[in-house]
Structure formats: structure tokens, C-alpha cells
mmCIF file of all heavy atoms, coordinates in Angstrom:
data_MODEL
# 
_entry.id   MODEL 
# 
loop_
_atom_site.group_PDB 
_atom_site.id 
_atom_site.type_symbol 
_atom_site.label_atom_id 
_atom_site.label_alt_id 
_atom_site.label_comp_id 
_atom_site.label_asym_id 
_atom_site.label_entity_id 
_atom_site.label_seq_id 
_atom_site.pdbx_PDB_ins_code 
_atom_site.Cartn_x 
_atom_site.Cartn_y 
_atom_site.Cartn_z 
_atom_site.occupancy 
_atom_site.B_iso_or_equiv 
_atom_site.pdbx_formal_charge 
_atom_site.auth_seq_id 
_atom_site.auth_comp_id 
_atom_site.auth_asym_id 
_atom_site.auth_atom_id 
_atom_site.pdbx_PDB_model_num 
ATOM 1   N N   . ILE A 1 1  ? 0.855  -1.182  0.000   1.00 0.00 ? 1  ILE A N   1 
ATOM 2   C CA  . ILE A 1 1  ? 0.000  0.000   0.000   1.00 0.00 ? 1  ILE A CA  1 
ATOM 3   C C   . ILE A 1 1  ? 0.889  1.229   0.000   1.00 0.00 ? 1  ILE A C   1 
ATOM 4   O O   . ILE A 1 1  ? 1.765  1.356   0.857   1.00 0.00 ? 1  ILE A O   1 
ATOM 5   C CB  . ILE A 1 1  ? -0.924 0.008   1.228   1.00 0.00 ? 1  ILE A CB  1 
ATOM 6   C CG1 . ILE A 1 1  ? -1.813 -1.224  1.212   1.00 0.00 ? 1  ILE A CG1 1 
ATOM 7   C CG2 . ILE A 1 1  ? -1.744 1.294   1.294   1.00 0.00 ? 1  ILE A CG2 1 
ATOM 8   C CD1 . ILE A 1 1  ? -2.526 -1.505  2.513   1.00 0.00 ? 1  ILE A CD1 1 
ATOM 9   N N   . THR A 1 2  ? 0.676  2.113   -0.966  1.00 0.00 ? 2  THR A N   1 
ATOM 10  C CA  . THR A 1 2  ? 1.387  3.393   -0.965  1.00 0.00 ? 2  THR A CA  1 
ATOM 11  C C   . THR A 1 2  ? 0.388  4.453   -0.520  1.00 0.00 ? 2  THR A C   1 
ATOM 12  O O   . THR A 1 2  ? -0.691 4.594   -1.106  1.00 0.00 ? 2  THR A O   1 
ATOM 13  C CB  . THR A 1 2  ? 1.969  3.738   -2.351  1.00 0.00 ? 2  THR A CB  1 
ATOM 14  O OG1 . THR A 1 2  ? 0.931  3.733   -3.321  1.00 0.00 ? 2  THR A OG1 1 
ATOM 15  C CG2 . THR A 1 2  ? 3.055  2.745   -2.750  1.00 0.00 ? 2  THR A CG2 1 
ATOM 16  N N   . HIS A 1 3  ? 0.748  5.155   0.534   1.00 0.00 ? 3  HIS A N   1 
ATOM 17  C CA  . HIS A 1 3  ? -0.116 6.198   1.075   1.00 0.00 ? 3  HIS A CA  1 
ATOM 18  C C   . HIS A 1 3  ? 0.627  7.524   0.954   1.00 0.00 ? 3  HIS A C   1 
ATOM 19  O O   . HIS A 1 3  ? 1.585  7.773   1.674   1.00 0.00 ? 3  HIS A O   1 
ATOM 20  C CB  . HIS A 1 3  ? -0.480 5.911   2.538   1.00 0.00 ? 3  HIS A CB  1 
ATOM 21  C CG  . HIS A 1 3  ? -1.425 6.924   3.092   1.00 0.00 ? 3  HIS A CG  1 
ATOM 22  N ND1 . HIS A 1 3  ? -2.752 6.971   2.728   1.00 0.00 ? 3  HIS A ND1 1 
ATOM 23  C CD2 . HIS A 1 3  ? -1.234 7.943   3.953   1.00 0.00 ? 3  HIS A CD2 1 
ATOM 24  C CE1 . HIS A 1 3  ? -3.336 7.971   3.363   1.00 0.00 ? 3  HIS A CE1 1 
ATOM 25  N NE2 . HIS A 1 3  ? -2.429 8.572   4.115   1.00 0.00 ? 3  HIS A NE2 1 
ATOM 26  N N   . GLU A 1 4  ? 0.151  8.320   0.009   1.00 0.00 ? 4  GLU A N   1 
ATOM 27  C CA  . GLU A 1 4  ? 0.810  9.597   -0.276  1.00 0.00 ? 4  GLU A CA  1 
ATOM 28  C C   . GLU A 1 4  ? -0.172 10.501  -1.001  1.00 0.00 ? 4  GLU A C   1 
ATOM 29  O O   . GLU A 1 4  ? -1.155 10.024  -1.564  1.00 0.00 ? 4  GLU A O   1 
ATOM 30  C CB  . GLU A 1 4  ? 2.061  9.369   -1.125  1.00 0.00 ? 4  GLU A CB  1 
ATOM 31  C CG  . GLU A 1 4  ? 1.760  8.604   -2.398  1.00 0.00 ? 4  GLU A CG  1 
ATOM 32  C CD  . GLU A 1 4  ? 2.989  8.204   -3.179  1.00 0.00 ? 4  GLU A CD  1 
ATOM 33  O OE1 . GLU A 1 4  ? 3.999  8.911   -3.129  1.00 0.00 ? 4  GLU A OE1 1 
ATOM 34  O OE2 . GLU A 1 4  ? 2.927  7.173   -3.867  1.00 0.00 ? 4  GLU A OE2 1 
ATOM 35  N N   . ARG A 1 5  ? 0.100  11.759  -1.001  1.00 0.00 ? 5  ARG A N   1 
ATOM 36  C CA  . ARG A 1 5  ? -0.823 12.720  -1.609  1.00 0.00 ? 5  ARG A CA  1 
ATOM 37  C C   . ARG A 1 5  ? -0.697 12.774  -3.132  1.00 0.00 ? 5  ARG A C   1 
ATOM 38  O O   . ARG A 1 5  ? -1.650 12.998  -3.829  1.00 0.00 ? 5  ARG A O   1 
ATOM 39  C CB  . ARG A 1 5  ? -0.592 14.132  -1.051  1.00 0.00 ? 5  ARG A CB  1 
ATOM 40  C CG  . ARG A 1 5  ? -0.797 14.221  0.443   1.00 0.00 ? 5  ARG A CG  1 
ATOM 41  C CD  . ARG A 1 5  ? -2.265 13.993  0.821   1.00 0.00 ? 5  ARG A CD  1 
ATOM 42  N NE  . ARG A 1 5  ? -2.408 13.999  2.252   1.00 0.00 ? 5  ARG A NE  1 
ATOM 43  C CZ  . ARG A 1 5  ? -2.720 12.938  2.973   1.00 0.00 ? 5  ARG A CZ  1 
ATOM 44  N NH1 . ARG A 1 5  ? -2.930 11.795  2.420   1.00 0.00 ? 5  ARG A NH1 1 
ATOM 45  N NH2 . ARG A 1 5  ? -2.846 13.018  4.268   1.00 0.00 ? 5  ARG A NH2 1 
ATOM 46  N N   . ARG A 1 6  ? 0.524  12.565  -3.680  1.00 0.00 ? 6  ARG A N   1 
ATOM 47  C CA  . ARG A 1 6  ? 0.736  12.795  -5.109  1.00 0.00 ? 6  ARG A CA  1 
ATOM 48  C C   . ARG A 1 6  ? 0.958  11.534  -5.942  1.00 0.00 ? 6  ARG A C   1 
ATOM 49  O O   . ARG A 1 6  ? 1.009  11.611  -7.150  1.00 0.00 ? 6  ARG A O   1 
ATOM 50  C CB  . ARG A 1 6  ? 1.915  13.744  -5.309  1.00 0.00 ? 6  ARG A CB  1 
ATOM 51  C CG  . ARG A 1 6  ? 1.656  15.107  -4.678  1.00 0.00 ? 6  ARG A CG  1 
ATOM 52  C CD  . ARG A 1 6  ? 2.808  16.015  -4.839  1.00 0.00 ? 6  ARG A CD  1 
ATOM 53  N NE  . ARG A 1 6  ? 3.981  15.414  -4.195  1.00 0.00 ? 6  ARG A NE  1 
ATOM 54  C CZ  . ARG A 1 6  ? 5.149  15.988  -4.127  1.00 0.00 ? 6  ARG A CZ  1 
ATOM 55  N NH1 . ARG A 1 6  ? 5.338  17.153  -4.677  1.00 0.00 ? 6  ARG A NH1 1 
ATOM 56  N NH2 . ARG A 1 6  ? 6.148  15.387  -3.524  1.00 0.00 ? 6  ARG A NH2 1 
ATOM 57  N N   . GLY A 1 7  ? 1.125  10.390  -5.364  1.00 0.00 ? 7  GLY A N   1 
ATOM 58  C CA  . GLY A 1 7  ? 1.288  9.161   -6.126  1.00 0.00 ? 7  GLY A CA  1 
ATOM 59  C C   . GLY A 1 7  ? 2.662  8.941   -6.726  1.00 0.00 ? 7  GLY A C   1 
ATOM 60  O O   . GLY A 1 7  ? 2.822  8.138   -7.636  1.00 0.00 ? 7  GLY A O   1 
ATOM 61  N N   . LEU A 1 8  ? 3.669  9.634   -6.220  1.00 0.00 ? 8  LEU A N   1 
ATOM 62  C CA  . LEU A 1 8  ? 5.022  9.509   -6.775  1.00 0.00 ? 8  LEU A CA  1 
ATOM 63  C C   . LEU A 1 8  ? 5.622  8.128   -6.539  1.00 0.00 ? 8  LEU A C   1 
ATOM 64  O O   . LEU A 1 8  ? 6.207  7.535   -7.441  1.00 0.00 ? 8  LEU A O   1 
ATOM 65  C CB  . LEU A 1 8  ? 5.934  10.588  -6.196  1.00 0.00 ? 8  LEU A CB  1 
ATOM 66  C CG  . LEU A 1 8  ? 5.520  12.029  -6.493  1.00 0.00 ? 8  LEU A CG  1 
ATOM 67  C CD1 . LEU A 1 8  ? 6.401  13.011  -5.737  1.00 0.00 ? 8  LEU A CD1 1 
ATOM 68  C CD2 . LEU A 1 8  ? 5.551  12.293  -7.980  1.00 0.00 ? 8  LEU A CD2 1 
ATOM 69  N N   . TRP A 1 9  ? 5.476  7.605   -5.324  1.00 0.00 ? 9  TRP A N   1 
ATOM 70  C CA  . TRP A 1 9  ? 6.057  6.294   -5.031  1.00 0.00 ? 9  TRP A CA  1 
ATOM 71  C C   . TRP A 1 9  ? 5.366  5.191   -5.821  1.00 0.00 ? 9  TRP A C   1 
ATOM 72  O O   . TRP A 1 9  ? 6.010  4.267   -6.313  1.00 0.00 ? 9  TRP A O   1 
ATOM 73  C CB  . TRP A 1 9  ? 6.015  5.997   -3.526  1.00 0.00 ? 9  TRP A CB  1 
ATOM 74  C CG  . TRP A 1 9  ? 7.128  6.649   -2.805  1.00 0.00 ? 9  TRP A CG  1 
ATOM 75  C CD1 . TRP A 1 9  ? 7.034  7.654   -1.884  1.00 0.00 ? 9  TRP A CD1 1 
ATOM 76  C CD2 . TRP A 1 9  ? 8.525  6.384   -2.955  1.00 0.00 ? 9  TRP A CD2 1 
ATOM 77  N NE1 . TRP A 1 9  ? 8.287  8.024   -1.464  1.00 0.00 ? 9  TRP A NE1 1 
ATOM 78  C CE2 . TRP A 1 9  ? 9.224  7.256   -2.103  1.00 0.00 ? 9  TRP A CE2 1 
ATOM 79  C CE3 . TRP A 1 9  ? 9.260  5.503   -3.741  1.00 0.00 ? 9  TRP A CE3 1 
ATOM 80  C CZ2 . TRP A 1 9  ? 10.606 7.261   -1.999  1.00 0.00 ? 9  TRP A CZ2 1 
ATOM 81  C CZ3 . TRP A 1 9  ? 10.650 5.510   -3.636  1.00 0.00 ? 9  TRP A CZ3 1 
ATOM 82  C CH2 . TRP A 1 9  ? 11.302 6.378   -2.779  1.00 0.00 ? 9  TRP A CH2 1 
ATOM 83  N N   . ALA A 1 10 ? 4.074  5.279   -5.938  1.00 0.00 ? 10 ALA A N   1 
ATOM 84  C CA  . ALA A 1 10 ? 3.354  4.261   -6.697  1.00 0.00 ? 10 ALA A CA  1 
ATOM 85  C C   . ALA A 1 10 ? 3.861  4.197   -8.134  1.00 0.00 ? 10 ALA A C   1 
ATOM 86  O O   . ALA A 1 10 ? 4.098  3.113   -8.677  1.00 0.00 ? 10 ALA A O   1 
ATOM 87  C CB  . ALA A 1 10 ? 1.854  4.546   -6.671  1.00 0.00 ? 10 ALA A CB  1 
ATOM 88  N N   . ARG A 1 11 ? 4.056  5.349   -8.760  1.00 0.00 ? 11 ARG A N   1 
ATOM 89  C CA  . ARG A 1 11 ? 4.556  5.383   -10.147 1.00 0.00 ? 11 ARG A CA  1 
ATOM 90  C C   . ARG A 1 11 ? 5.974  4.855   -10.256 1.00 0.00 ? 11 ARG A C   1 
ATOM 91  O O   . ARG A 1 11 ? 6.340  4.249   -11.263 1.00 0.00 ? 11 ARG A O   1 
ATOM 92  C CB  . ARG A 1 11 ? 4.490  6.804   -10.698 1.00 0.00 ? 11 ARG A CB  1 
ATOM 93  C CG  . ARG A 1 11 ? 3.095  7.218   -11.105 1.00 0.00 ? 11 ARG A CG  1 
ATOM 94  C CD  . ARG A 1 11 ? 3.111  8.481   -11.932 1.00 0.00 ? 11 ARG A CD  1 
ATOM 95  N NE  . ARG A 1 11 ? 3.749  9.621   -11.305 1.00 0.00 ? 11 ARG A NE  1 
ATOM 96  C CZ  . ARG A 1 11 ? 3.148  10.475  -10.488 1.00 0.00 ? 11 ARG A CZ  1 
ATOM 97  N NH1 . ARG A 1 11 ? 1.884  10.304  -10.189 1.00 0.00 ? 11 ARG A NH1 1 
ATOM 98  N NH2 . ARG A 1 11 ? 3.795  11.490  -9.980  1.00 0.00 ? 11 ARG A NH2 1 
ATOM 99  N N   . GLN A 1 12 ? 6.787  5.063   -9.251  1.00 0.00 ? 12 GLN A N   1 
ATOM 100 C CA  . GLN A 1 12 ? 8.174  4.608   -9.276  1.00 0.00 ? 12 GLN A CA  1 
ATOM 101 C C   . GLN A 1 12 ? 8.301  3.112   -8.985  1.00 0.00 ? 12 GLN A C   1 
ATOM 102 O O   . GLN A 1 12 ? 9.175  2.443   -9.531  1.00 0.00 ? 12 GLN A O   1 
ATOM 103 C CB  . GLN A 1 12 ? 9.017  5.385   -8.258  1.00 0.00 ? 12 GLN A CB  1 
ATOM 104 C CG  . GLN A 1 12 ? 9.282  6.803   -8.624  1.00 0.00 ? 12 GLN A CG  1 
ATOM 105 C CD  . GLN A 1 12 ? 10.200 6.903   -9.835  1.00 0.00 ? 12 GLN A CD  1 
ATOM 106 O OE1 . GLN A 1 12 ? 11.108 6.103   -10.029 1.00 0.00 ? 12 GLN A OE1 1 
ATOM 107 N NE2 . GLN A 1 12 ? 9.943  7.893   -10.665 1.00 0.00 ? 12 GLN A NE2 1 
ATOM 108 N N   . LEU A 1 13 ? 7.447  2.584   -8.125  1.00 0.00 ? 13 LEU A N   1 
ATOM 109 C CA  . LEU A 1 13 ? 7.621  1.212   -7.647  1.00 0.00 ? 13 LEU A CA  1 
ATOM 110 C C   . LEU A 1 13 ? 6.910  0.153   -8.486  1.00 0.00 ? 13 LEU A C   1 
ATOM 111 O O   . LEU A 1 13 ? 7.459  -0.927  -8.696  1.00 0.00 ? 13 LEU A O   1 
ATOM 112 C CB  . LEU A 1 13 ? 7.154  1.111   -6.190  1.00 0.00 ? 13 LEU A CB  1 
ATOM 113 C CG  . LEU A 1 13 ? 7.969  1.941   -5.189  1.00 0.00 ? 13 LEU A CG  1 
ATOM 114 C CD1 . LEU A 1 13 ? 7.314  1.887   -3.821  1.00 0.00 ? 13 LEU A CD1 1 
ATOM 115 C CD2 . LEU A 1 13 ? 9.407  1.480   -5.134  1.00 0.00 ? 13 LEU A CD2 1 
ATOM 116 N N   . ARG A 1 14 ? 5.717  0.430   -8.946  1.00 0.00 ? 14 ARG A N   1 
ATOM 117 C CA  . ARG A 1 14 ? 4.934  -0.575  -9.683  1.00 0.00 ? 14 ARG A CA  1 
ATOM 118 C C   . ARG A 1 14 ? 5.700  -1.254  -10.812 1.00 0.00 ? 14 ARG A C   1 
ATOM 119 O O   . ARG A 1 14 ? 5.673  -2.477  -10.917 1.00 0.00 ? 14 ARG A O   1 
ATOM 120 C CB  . ARG A 1 14 ? 3.666  0.048   -10.258 1.00 0.00 ? 14 ARG A CB  1 
ATOM 121 C CG  . ARG A 1 14 ? 2.517  0.039   -9.327  1.00 0.00 ? 14 ARG A CG  1 
ATOM 122 C CD  . ARG A 1 14 ? 1.306  0.640   -10.037 1.00 0.00 ? 14 ARG A CD  1 
ATOM 123 N NE  . ARG A 1 14 ? 0.267  0.922   -9.099  1.00 0.00 ? 14 ARG A NE  1 
ATOM 124 C CZ  . ARG A 1 14 ? -0.834 0.204   -8.988  1.00 0.00 ? 14 ARG A CZ  1 
ATOM 125 N NH1 . ARG A 1 14 ? -1.037 -0.829  -9.757  1.00 0.00 ? 14 ARG A NH1 1 
ATOM 126 N NH2 . ARG A 1 14 ? -1.741 0.515   -8.101  1.00 0.00 ? 14 ARG A NH2 1 
ATOM 127 N N   . PRO A 1 15 ? 6.381  -0.501  -11.678 1.00 0.00 ? 15 PRO A N   1 
ATOM 128 C CA  . PRO A 1 15 ? 7.055  -1.163  -12.810 1.00 0.00 ? 15 PRO A CA  1 
ATOM 129 C C   . PRO A 1 15 ? 8.250  -2.027  -12.395 1.00 0.00 ? 15 PRO A C   1 
ATOM 130 O O   . PRO A 1 15 ? 8.745  -2.814  -13.194 1.00 0.00 ? 15 PRO A O   1 
ATOM 131 C CB  . PRO A 1 15 ? 7.538  -0.002  -13.680 1.00 0.00 ? 15 PRO A CB  1 
ATOM 132 C CG  . PRO A 1 15 ? 6.958  1.238   -13.128 1.00 0.00 ? 15 PRO A CG  1 
ATOM 133 C CD  . PRO A 1 15 ? 6.451  0.940   -11.758 1.00 0.00 ? 15 PRO A CD  1 
ATOM 134 N N   . ARG A 1 16 ? 8.706  -1.908  -11.162 1.00 0.00 ? 16 ARG A N   1 
ATOM 135 C CA  . ARG A 1 16 ? 9.912  -2.609  -10.729 1.00 0.00 ? 16 ARG A CA  1 
ATOM 136 C C   . ARG A 1 16 ? 9.641  -3.930  -10.032 1.00 0.00 ? 16 ARG A C   1 
ATOM 137 O O   . ARG A 1 16 ? 10.576 -4.585  -9.571  1.00 0.00 ? 16 ARG A O   1 
ATOM 138 C CB  . ARG A 1 16 ? 10.724 -1.687  -9.824  1.00 0.00 ? 16 ARG A CB  1 
ATOM 139 C CG  . ARG A 1 16 ? 11.204 -0.483  -10.600 1.00 0.00 ? 16 ARG A CG  1 
ATOM 140 C CD  . ARG A 1 16 ? 11.796 0.570   -9.744  1.00 0.00 ? 16 ARG A CD  1 
ATOM 141 N NE  . ARG A 1 16 ? 12.102 1.706   -10.623 1.00 0.00 ? 16 ARG A NE  1 
ATOM 142 C CZ  . ARG A 1 16 ? 12.976 2.606   -10.365 1.00 0.00 ? 16 ARG A CZ  1 
ATOM 143 N NH1 . ARG A 1 16 ? 13.664 2.558   -9.255  1.00 0.00 ? 16 ARG A NH1 1 
ATOM 144 N NH2 . ARG A 1 16 ? 13.188 3.600   -11.196 1.00 0.00 ? 16 ARG A NH2 1 
ATOM 145 N N   . PHE A 1 17 ? 8.376  -4.326  -9.937  1.00 0.00 ? 17 PHE A N   1 
ATOM 146 C CA  . PHE A 1 17 ? 8.020  -5.587  -9.295  1.00 0.00 ? 17 PHE A CA  1 
ATOM 147 C C   . PHE A 1 17 ? 7.126  -6.390  -10.231 1.00 0.00 ? 17 PHE A C   1 
ATOM 148 O O   . PHE A 1 17 ? 6.303  -5.822  -10.940 1.00 0.00 ? 17 PHE A O   1 
ATOM 149 C CB  . PHE A 1 17 ? 7.266  -5.342  -7.972  1.00 0.00 ? 17 PHE A CB  1 
ATOM 150 C CG  . PHE A 1 17 ? 8.141  -4.849  -6.870  1.00 0.00 ? 17 PHE A CG  1 
ATOM 151 C CD1 . PHE A 1 17 ? 8.296  -3.494  -6.650  1.00 0.00 ? 17 PHE A CD1 1 
ATOM 152 C CD2 . PHE A 1 17 ? 8.823  -5.738  -6.061  1.00 0.00 ? 17 PHE A CD2 1 
ATOM 153 C CE1 . PHE A 1 17 ? 9.104  -3.033  -5.630  1.00 0.00 ? 17 PHE A CE1 1 
ATOM 154 C CE2 . PHE A 1 17 ? 9.638  -5.289  -5.036  1.00 0.00 ? 17 PHE A CE2 1 
ATOM 155 C CZ  . PHE A 1 17 ? 9.779  -3.933  -4.822  1.00 0.00 ? 17 PHE A CZ  1 
ATOM 156 N N   . PRO A 1 18 ? 7.252  -7.705  -10.198 1.00 0.00 ? 18 PRO A N   1 
ATOM 157 C CA  . PRO A 1 18 ? 6.375  -8.546  -11.033 1.00 0.00 ? 18 PRO A CA  1 
ATOM 158 C C   . PRO A 1 18 ? 4.914  -8.355  -10.619 1.00 0.00 ? 18 PRO A C   1 
ATOM 159 O O   . PRO A 1 18 ? 4.591  -8.432  -9.438  1.00 0.00 ? 18 PRO A O   1 
ATOM 160 C CB  . PRO A 1 18 ? 6.831  -9.970  -10.749 1.00 0.00 ? 18 PRO A CB  1 
ATOM 161 C CG  . PRO A 1 18 ? 8.036  -9.869  -9.890  1.00 0.00 ? 18 PRO A CG  1 
ATOM 162 C CD  . PRO A 1 18 ? 8.179  -8.464  -9.411  1.00 0.00 ? 18 PRO A CD  1 
ATOM 163 N N   . SER A 1 19 ? 4.076  -8.087  -11.584 1.00 0.00 ? 19 SER A N   1 
ATOM 164 C CA  . SER A 1 19 ? 2.680  -7.774  -11.277 1.00 0.00 ? 19 SER A CA  1 
ATOM 165 C C   . SER A 1 19 ? 1.925  -8.949  -10.650 1.00 0.00 ? 19 SER A C   1 
ATOM 166 O O   . SER A 1 19 ? 1.006  -8.745  -9.874  1.00 0.00 ? 19 SER A O   1 
ATOM 167 C CB  . SER A 1 19 ? 1.953  -7.301  -12.531 1.00 0.00 ? 19 SER A CB  1 
ATOM 168 O OG  . SER A 1 19 ? 1.977  -8.315  -13.516 1.00 0.00 ? 19 SER A OG  1 
ATOM 169 N N   . GLU A 1 20 ? 2.300  -10.179 -10.980 1.00 0.00 ? 20 GLU A N   1 
ATOM 170 C CA  . GLU A 1 20 ? 1.556  -11.321 -10.455 1.00 0.00 ? 20 GLU A CA  1 
ATOM 171 C C   . GLU A 1 20 ? 1.825  -11.592 -8.974  1.00 0.00 ? 20 GLU A C   1 
ATOM 172 O O   . GLU A 1 20 ? 1.058  -12.287 -8.319  1.00 0.00 ? 20 GLU A O   1 
ATOM 173 C CB  . GLU A 1 20 ? 1.829  -12.587 -11.278 1.00 0.00 ? 20 GLU A CB  1 
ATOM 174 C CG  . GLU A 1 20 ? 3.245  -13.105 -11.169 1.00 0.00 ? 20 GLU A CG  1 
ATOM 175 C CD  . GLU A 1 20 ? 4.233  -12.432 -12.127 1.00 0.00 ? 20 GLU A CD  1 
ATOM 176 O OE1 . GLU A 1 20 ? 3.828  -11.576 -12.910 1.00 0.00 ? 20 GLU A OE1 1 
ATOM 177 O OE2 . GLU A 1 20 ? 5.414  -12.791 -12.060 1.00 0.00 ? 20 GLU A OE2 1 
ATOM 178 N N   . SER A 1 21 ? 2.912  -11.070 -8.422  1.00 0.00 ? 21 SER A N   1 
ATOM 179 C CA  . SER A 1 21 ? 3.227  -11.359 -7.024  1.00 0.00 ? 21 SER A CA  1 
ATOM 180 C C   . SER A 1 21 ? 2.888  -10.219 -6.062  1.00 0.00 ? 21 SER A C   1 
ATOM 181 O O   . SER A 1 21 ? 2.991  -10.389 -4.860  1.00 0.00 ? 21 SER A O   1 
ATOM 182 C CB  . SER A 1 21 ? 4.705  -11.725 -6.875  1.00 0.00 ? 21 SER A CB  1 
ATOM 183 O OG  . SER A 1 21 ? 5.504  -10.615 -7.221  1.00 0.00 ? 21 SER A OG  1 
ATOM 184 N N   . ILE A 1 22 ? 2.475  -9.064  -6.602  1.00 0.00 ? 22 ILE A N   1 
ATOM 185 C CA  . ILE A 1 22 ? 2.183  -7.904  -5.761  1.00 0.00 ? 22 ILE A CA  1 
ATOM 186 C C   . ILE A 1 22 ? 0.791  -7.384  -6.079  1.00 0.00 ? 22 ILE A C   1 
ATOM 187 O O   . ILE A 1 22 ? 0.430  -7.196  -7.235  1.00 0.00 ? 22 ILE A O   1 
ATOM 188 C CB  . ILE A 1 22 ? 3.197  -6.760  -6.006  1.00 0.00 ? 22 ILE A CB  1 
ATOM 189 C CG1 . ILE A 1 22 ? 4.631  -7.205  -5.784  1.00 0.00 ? 22 ILE A CG1 1 
ATOM 190 C CG2 . ILE A 1 22 ? 2.866  -5.545  -5.131  1.00 0.00 ? 22 ILE A CG2 1 
ATOM 191 C CD1 . ILE A 1 22 ? 4.968  -7.570  -4.367  1.00 0.00 ? 22 ILE A CD1 1 
ATOM 192 N N   . ARG A 1 23 ? 0.025  -7.146  -5.031  1.00 0.00 ? 23 ARG A N   1 
ATOM 193 C CA  . ARG A 1 23 ? -1.258 -6.448  -5.163  1.00 0.00 ? 23 ARG A CA  1 
ATOM 194 C C   . ARG A 1 23 ? -1.000 -5.013  -4.705  1.00 0.00 ? 23 ARG A C   1 
ATOM 195 O O   . ARG A 1 23 ? -0.697 -4.780  -3.538  1.00 0.00 ? 23 ARG A O   1 
ATOM 196 C CB  . ARG A 1 23 ? -2.330 -7.098  -4.295  1.00 0.00 ? 23 ARG A CB  1 
ATOM 197 C CG  . ARG A 1 23 ? -3.667 -6.349  -4.333  1.00 0.00 ? 23 ARG A CG  1 
ATOM 198 C CD  . ARG A 1 23 ? -4.705 -6.969  -3.416  1.00 0.00 ? 23 ARG A CD  1 
ATOM 199 N NE  . ARG A 1 23 ? -4.955 -8.348  -3.798  1.00 0.00 ? 23 ARG A NE  1 
ATOM 200 C CZ  . ARG A 1 23 ? -4.738 -9.399  -2.995  1.00 0.00 ? 23 ARG A CZ  1 
ATOM 201 N NH1 . ARG A 1 23 ? -4.264 -9.233  -1.790  1.00 0.00 ? 23 ARG A NH1 1 
ATOM 202 N NH2 . ARG A 1 23 ? -4.997 -10.625 -3.407  1.00 0.00 ? 23 ARG A NH2 1 
ATOM 203 N N   . TRP A 1 24 ? -1.098 -4.067  -5.616  1.00 0.00 ? 24 TRP A N   1 
ATOM 204 C CA  . TRP A 1 24 ? -0.827 -2.661  -5.314  1.00 0.00 ? 24 TRP A CA  1 
ATOM 205 C C   . TRP A 1 24 ? -2.113 -1.946  -4.954  1.00 0.00 ? 24 TRP A C   1 
ATOM 206 O O   . TRP A 1 24 ? -3.125 -2.085  -5.634  1.00 0.00 ? 24 TRP A O   1 
ATOM 207 C CB  . TRP A 1 24 ? -0.202 -1.963  -6.516  1.00 0.00 ? 24 TRP A CB  1 
ATOM 208 C CG  . TRP A 1 24 ? 1.184  -2.428  -6.791  1.00 0.00 ? 24 TRP A CG  1 
ATOM 209 C CD1 . TRP A 1 24 ? 1.555  -3.389  -7.674  1.00 0.00 ? 24 TRP A CD1 1 
ATOM 210 C CD2 . TRP A 1 24 ? 2.378  -1.980  -6.160  1.00 0.00 ? 24 TRP A CD2 1 
ATOM 211 N NE1 . TRP A 1 24 ? 2.914  -3.569  -7.630  1.00 0.00 ? 24 TRP A NE1 1 
ATOM 212 C CE2 . TRP A 1 24 ? 3.448  -2.715  -6.717  1.00 0.00 ? 24 TRP A CE2 1 
ATOM 213 C CE3 . TRP A 1 24 ? 2.658  -1.038  -5.179  1.00 0.00 ? 24 TRP A CE3 1 
ATOM 214 C CZ2 . TRP A 1 24 ? 4.768  -2.526  -6.324  1.00 0.00 ? 24 TRP A CZ2 1 
ATOM 215 C CZ3 . TRP A 1 24 ? 3.977  -0.850  -4.790  1.00 0.00 ? 24 TRP A CZ3 1 
ATOM 216 C CH2 . TRP A 1 24 ? 5.005  -1.591  -5.355  1.00 0.00 ? 24 TRP A CH2 1 
ATOM 217 N N   . VAL A 1 25 ? -2.039 -1.161  -3.888  1.00 0.00 ? 25 VAL A N   1 
ATOM 218 C CA  . VAL A 1 25 ? -3.173 -0.338  -3.482  1.00 0.00 ? 25 VAL A CA  1 
ATOM 219 C C   . VAL A 1 25 ? -2.631 1.056   -3.203  1.00 0.00 ? 25 VAL A C   1 
ATOM 220 O O   . VAL A 1 25 ? -1.660 1.211   -2.453  1.00 0.00 ? 25 VAL A O   1 
ATOM 221 C CB  . VAL A 1 25 ? -3.860 -0.896  -2.212  1.00 0.00 ? 25 VAL A CB  1 
ATOM 222 C CG1 . VAL A 1 25 ? -5.042 -0.024  -1.811  1.00 0.00 ? 25 VAL A CG1 1 
ATOM 223 C CG2 . VAL A 1 25 ? -4.292 -2.343  -2.414  1.00 0.00 ? 25 VAL A CG2 1 
ATOM 224 N N   . GLU A 1 26 ? -3.238 2.058   -3.818  1.00 0.00 ? 26 GLU A N   1 
ATOM 225 C CA  . GLU A 1 26 ? -2.864 3.448   -3.571  1.00 0.00 ? 26 GLU A CA  1 
ATOM 226 C C   . GLU A 1 26 ? -3.955 4.099   -2.739  1.00 0.00 ? 26 GLU A C   1 
ATOM 227 O O   . GLU A 1 26 ? -5.138 3.957   -3.050  1.00 0.00 ? 26 GLU A O   1 
ATOM 228 C CB  . GLU A 1 26 ? -2.715 4.216   -4.882  1.00 0.00 ? 26 GLU A CB  1 
ATOM 229 C CG  . GLU A 1 26 ? -1.569 3.755   -5.733  1.00 0.00 ? 26 GLU A CG  1 
ATOM 230 C CD  . GLU A 1 26 ? -1.458 4.572   -7.009  1.00 0.00 ? 26 GLU A CD  1 
ATOM 231 O OE1 . GLU A 1 26 ? -1.452 5.821   -6.928  1.00 0.00 ? 26 GLU A OE1 1 
ATOM 232 O OE2 . GLU A 1 26 ? -1.389 3.953   -8.084  1.00 0.00 ? 26 GLU A OE2 1 
ATOM 233 N N   . THR A 1 27 ? -3.546 4.813   -1.685  1.00 0.00 ? 27 THR A N   1 
ATOM 234 C CA  . THR A 1 27 ? -4.518 5.523   -0.854  1.00 0.00 ? 27 THR A CA  1 
ATOM 235 C C   . THR A 1 27 ? -4.077 6.967   -0.698  1.00 0.00 ? 27 THR A C   1 
ATOM 236 O O   . THR A 1 27 ? -2.882 7.276   -0.741  1.00 0.00 ? 27 THR A O   1 
ATOM 237 C CB  . THR A 1 27 ? -4.682 4.867   0.532   1.00 0.00 ? 27 THR A CB  1 
ATOM 238 O OG1 . THR A 1 27 ? -3.446 4.930   1.242   1.00 0.00 ? 27 THR A OG1 1 
ATOM 239 C CG2 . THR A 1 27 ? -5.146 3.427   0.418   1.00 0.00 ? 27 THR A CG2 1 
# 
């Protein structure tokens, strides 16, 4: 879970992990 106002970490981290092993949630 990335909890931030602007979504910077979510944009940086998602492409660097295999999508099938991580469930991403932005809040």
C-alpha cells in the first residue's frame, strides 16, 4: 500500500516488481 498525496512512489515502484506477485493499493 502506498499512502501519499501525489502518487510519486506508486509510479516509481509498480514497474519494478512482477505484477503477479504484488497487489498494489494506492490511498
